[in-house]
Protein backbone atom coordinates (compact mmCIF):
# COMPACT_ATOMS: atom_id res chain seq x y z
CA UNK A 1 18.17 7.97 6.64
CA UNK A 2 15.42 9.40 8.81
CA UNK A 3 15.34 12.44 11.04
CA UNK A 4 12.47 12.78 13.50
CA UNK A 5 11.47 16.32 14.38
CA UNK A 6 8.65 15.98 16.89
CA UNK A 7 5.67 14.51 15.05
CA UNK A 8 7.24 14.95 11.59
CA UNK A 9 9.71 12.62 9.92
CA UNK A 10 12.05 13.92 7.23
CA UNK A 11 13.76 11.31 5.10
CA UNK A 12 16.80 11.91 2.96
CA UNK A 13 19.46 10.08 1.05
CA UNK A 14 22.82 11.11 -0.35
CA UNK A 15 23.77 10.41 -3.95
CA UNK A 16 26.75 11.30 -6.09
CA UNK A 17 25.60 12.86 -9.40
CA UNK A 18 27.45 15.09 -11.86
CA UNK A 19 30.61 14.89 -9.78
CA UNK A 20 28.77 16.44 -6.86
CA UNK A 21 27.36 15.04 -3.67
CA UNK A 22 23.64 15.74 -3.57
CA UNK A 23 21.27 15.34 -0.67
CA UNK A 24 17.71 14.41 -1.59
CA UNK A 25 15.04 15.39 0.94
CA UNK A 26 11.58 13.90 0.92
CA UNK A 27 8.70 16.10 1.93
CA UNK A 28 8.02 15.76 5.63
CA UNK A 29 5.10 13.53 6.53
CA UNK A 30 3.44 13.16 9.93
CA UNK A 31 4.36 10.07 11.92
CA UNK A 32 1.53 7.54 11.64
CA UNK A 33 0.37 5.13 14.31
CA UNK A 34 0.89 1.42 13.61
CA UNK A 35 -2.01 -0.67 12.36
CA UNK A 36 -3.86 -3.14 14.55
CA UNK A 37 -3.80 -6.66 13.09
CA UNK A 38 -5.36 -9.95 14.08
CA UNK A 39 -6.09 -13.44 12.83
CA UNK A 40 -9.22 -15.53 13.19
CA UNK A 41 -9.94 -19.20 12.64
CA UNK A 42 -13.34 -18.52 11.07
CA UNK A 43 -12.15 -19.10 7.48
CA UNK A 44 -15.19 -21.06 6.37
CA UNK A 45 -17.62 -18.51 7.82
CA UNK A 46 -15.86 -15.53 6.17
CA UNK A 47 -15.66 -17.27 2.80
CA UNK A 48 -19.34 -18.28 2.93
CA UNK A 49 -20.41 -14.71 3.81
CA UNK A 50 -18.22 -13.07 1.18
CA UNK A 51 -19.43 -15.38 -1.59
CA UNK A 52 -22.78 -13.62 -1.20
CA UNK A 53 -21.26 -10.15 -1.74
CA UNK A 54 -20.60 -8.79 -5.23
CA UNK A 55 -16.88 -8.35 -6.00
CA UNK A 56 -15.70 -9.81 -2.68
CA UNK A 57 -14.20 -12.95 -4.25
CA UNK A 58 -11.55 -12.34 -6.91
CA UNK A 59 -8.73 -14.20 -8.58
CA UNK A 60 -5.29 -12.60 -8.26
CA UNK A 61 -3.42 -14.10 -11.17
CA UNK A 62 0.16 -15.32 -10.98
CA UNK A 63 2.60 -12.45 -11.28
CA UNK A 64 -0.04 -9.81 -10.48
CA UNK A 65 -0.62 -7.31 -7.69
CA UNK A 66 -4.13 -6.14 -6.82
CA UNK A 67 -4.29 -2.72 -5.15
CA UNK A 68 -7.46 -1.55 -3.42
CA UNK A 69 -7.59 2.27 -3.19
CA UNK A 70 -9.58 3.37 -0.13
CA UNK A 71 -9.95 7.14 0.37
CA UNK A 72 -10.49 8.55 3.85
CA UNK A 73 -13.98 9.95 4.48
CA UNK A 74 -15.09 12.51 7.05
CA UNK A 75 -17.87 10.35 8.56
CA UNK A 76 -15.46 7.68 9.83
CA UNK A 77 -12.18 7.43 11.71
CA UNK A 78 -10.59 4.18 10.52
CA UNK A 79 -10.31 1.68 7.69
CA UNK A 80 -10.71 -2.06 8.39
CA UNK A 81 -9.90 -5.12 6.30
CA UNK A 82 -10.35 -8.89 6.43
CA UNK A 83 -9.19 -11.45 3.89
CA UNK A 84 -8.57 -15.12 3.27
CA UNK A 85 -7.40 -17.29 0.37
CA UNK A 86 -7.93 -20.84 -0.84
CA UNK A 87 -5.00 -23.27 -0.44
CA UNK A 88 -2.06 -20.81 -0.71
CA UNK A 89 -0.65 -17.68 0.93
CA UNK A 90 -0.58 -14.17 -0.57
CA UNK A 91 1.53 -11.06 0.03
CA UNK A 92 -0.20 -8.17 1.79
CA UNK A 93 0.83 -4.62 2.66
CA UNK A 94 -0.87 -1.32 3.52
CA UNK A 95 0.34 2.10 2.40
CA UNK A 96 -1.05 5.64 2.73
CA UNK A 97 -0.98 8.22 -0.06
CA UNK A 98 -1.02 11.77 1.34
CA UNK A 99 -1.90 13.27 -2.07
CA UNK A 100 -5.17 15.20 -2.24
CA UNK A 101 -8.15 12.92 -2.81
CA UNK A 102 -9.56 13.15 -6.34
CA UNK A 103 -11.94 10.18 -6.18
CA UNK A 104 -13.97 9.18 -3.12
CA UNK A 105 -14.91 5.75 -4.49
CA UNK A 106 -13.14 2.58 -3.38
CA UNK A 107 -11.41 1.30 -6.52
CA UNK A 108 -9.31 -1.71 -7.52
CA UNK A 109 -6.23 -1.64 -9.75
CA UNK A 110 -4.40 -4.70 -11.13
CA UNK A 111 -0.76 -4.51 -12.17
CA UNK A 112 1.37 -7.27 -13.64
CA UNK A 113 4.24 -6.95 -11.17
CA UNK A 114 5.84 -4.63 -8.66
CA UNK A 115 8.41 -3.77 -11.37
CA UNK A 116 5.78 -1.61 -13.13
CA UNK A 117 5.02 0.24 -9.91
CA UNK A 118 8.71 0.65 -9.05
CA UNK A 119 9.40 2.27 -12.44
CA UNK A 120 6.47 4.69 -11.98
CA UNK A 121 7.68 5.55 -8.47
CA UNK A 122 11.21 6.23 -9.71
CA UNK A 123 9.87 8.57 -12.39
CA UNK A 124 7.89 10.45 -9.73
CA UNK A 125 10.78 10.53 -7.24
CA UNK A 126 13.49 12.19 -9.30
CA UNK A 127 13.50 14.69 -12.10
CA UNK A 128 17.09 15.48 -13.06
CA UNK A 129 17.54 18.60 -15.21
CA UNK A 130 20.35 19.37 -17.70
CA UNK A 131 23.68 18.42 -16.09
CA UNK A 132 25.47 21.22 -17.98
CA UNK A 133 23.42 23.79 -16.07
CA UNK A 134 23.78 21.98 -12.75
CA UNK A 135 21.81 19.13 -11.34
CA UNK A 136 18.36 20.10 -10.22
CA UNK A 137 16.57 17.25 -8.51
CA UNK A 138 13.03 17.34 -7.24
CA UNK A 139 11.90 14.51 -5.03
CA UNK A 140 8.17 14.14 -4.56
CA UNK A 141 6.75 11.20 -2.70
CA UNK A 142 3.58 11.25 -0.70
CA UNK A 143 3.49 7.54 0.08
CA UNK A 144 3.85 6.29 3.66
CA UNK A 145 4.12 2.66 4.75
CA UNK A 146 1.58 1.44 7.31
CA UNK A 147 2.22 -2.33 7.06
CA UNK A 148 5.17 -3.62 5.05
CA UNK A 149 4.50 -6.24 2.39
CA UNK A 150 4.73 -9.77 3.80
CA UNK A 151 3.36 -13.11 2.72
CA UNK A 152 0.35 -13.96 4.89
CA UNK A 153 -0.90 -17.45 5.77
CA UNK A 154 -4.39 -16.39 4.73
CA UNK A 155 -5.21 -19.95 3.67
CA UNK A 156 -4.89 -21.08 7.32
CA UNK A 157 -6.55 -18.14 9.12
CA UNK A 158 -8.51 -14.98 8.34
CA UNK A 159 -6.13 -12.00 8.31
CA UNK A 160 -7.67 -8.80 9.64
CA UNK A 161 -6.65 -5.34 10.63
CA UNK A 162 -7.56 -1.70 11.00
CA UNK A 163 -5.86 1.67 10.97
CA UNK A 164 -6.88 5.04 12.34
CA UNK A 165 -6.91 7.74 9.66
CA UNK A 166 -3.69 9.78 10.00
CA UNK A 167 -5.25 12.59 7.96
CA UNK A 168 -6.80 13.06 4.54
CA UNK A 169 -5.54 10.73 1.83
CA UNK A 170 -5.97 7.31 0.26
CA UNK A 171 -5.06 3.90 1.65
CA UNK A 172 -3.49 1.41 -0.75
CA UNK A 173 -4.13 -2.19 0.31
CA UNK A 174 -1.90 -4.40 -1.83
CA UNK A 175 -2.50 -8.10 -2.40
CA UNK A 176 0.72 -9.36 -3.99
CA UNK A 177 0.94 -12.56 -6.05
CA UNK A 178 3.92 -11.35 -8.11
CA UNK A 179 6.21 -13.97 -6.56
CA UNK A 180 4.06 -16.85 -7.84
CA UNK A 181 5.12 -18.29 -11.19
CA UNK A 182 2.40 -20.94 -11.44
CA UNK A 183 -0.47 -20.36 -9.03
CA UNK A 184 -3.37 -17.97 -9.25
CA UNK A 185 -4.88 -17.14 -5.84
CA UNK A 186 -8.57 -16.99 -4.99
CA UNK A 187 -8.95 -14.06 -2.61
CA UNK A 188 -11.93 -13.39 -0.34
CA UNK A 189 -11.75 -9.84 1.01
CA UNK A 190 -13.71 -6.99 2.47
CA UNK A 191 -12.73 -3.43 3.27
CA UNK A 192 -14.93 -1.15 5.32
CA UNK A 193 -14.94 2.00 7.43
CA UNK A 194 -15.45 2.21 11.19
CA UNK A 195 -15.47 4.73 14.05
């Protein structure tokens, strides 16, 4: 459930634990503007240009998710992305981590499936103390969704987008090939800042 209080959204859910009904509240996060997205037919041009750039062409192996961590920086106001693939689609989603920035470099992380990330998220979300002393639950999530994960026809058209910084934090651009049992995906991508 969501409650909107002006420019702040508080999320909560109700769960029955220890014979009691507990209400879990997430920390309030500001409401973020939606991302701007577009497609372009210039696949060949983008691929040719990105083949010249180091690290811009990668293979996302079957069953894997590649996450690009992009911290906000004071000199710019928005993050932009463009990507394409060879022959097959790929899942794509954008999230924003409100946690304090500890690394100002753009980094890439590969995980074997969303199951790994889901387990880590669950560990972060709830910490249940001794039930004999009463259930103490702390919910801590700083992750907001900008663009939900959807399969993109990036083999037919360049997929692009941008998002205005909602505040200080780190964008997580996820390229998801976890649904593919057989096919690795060749991904051409670039991420950059703009005003």
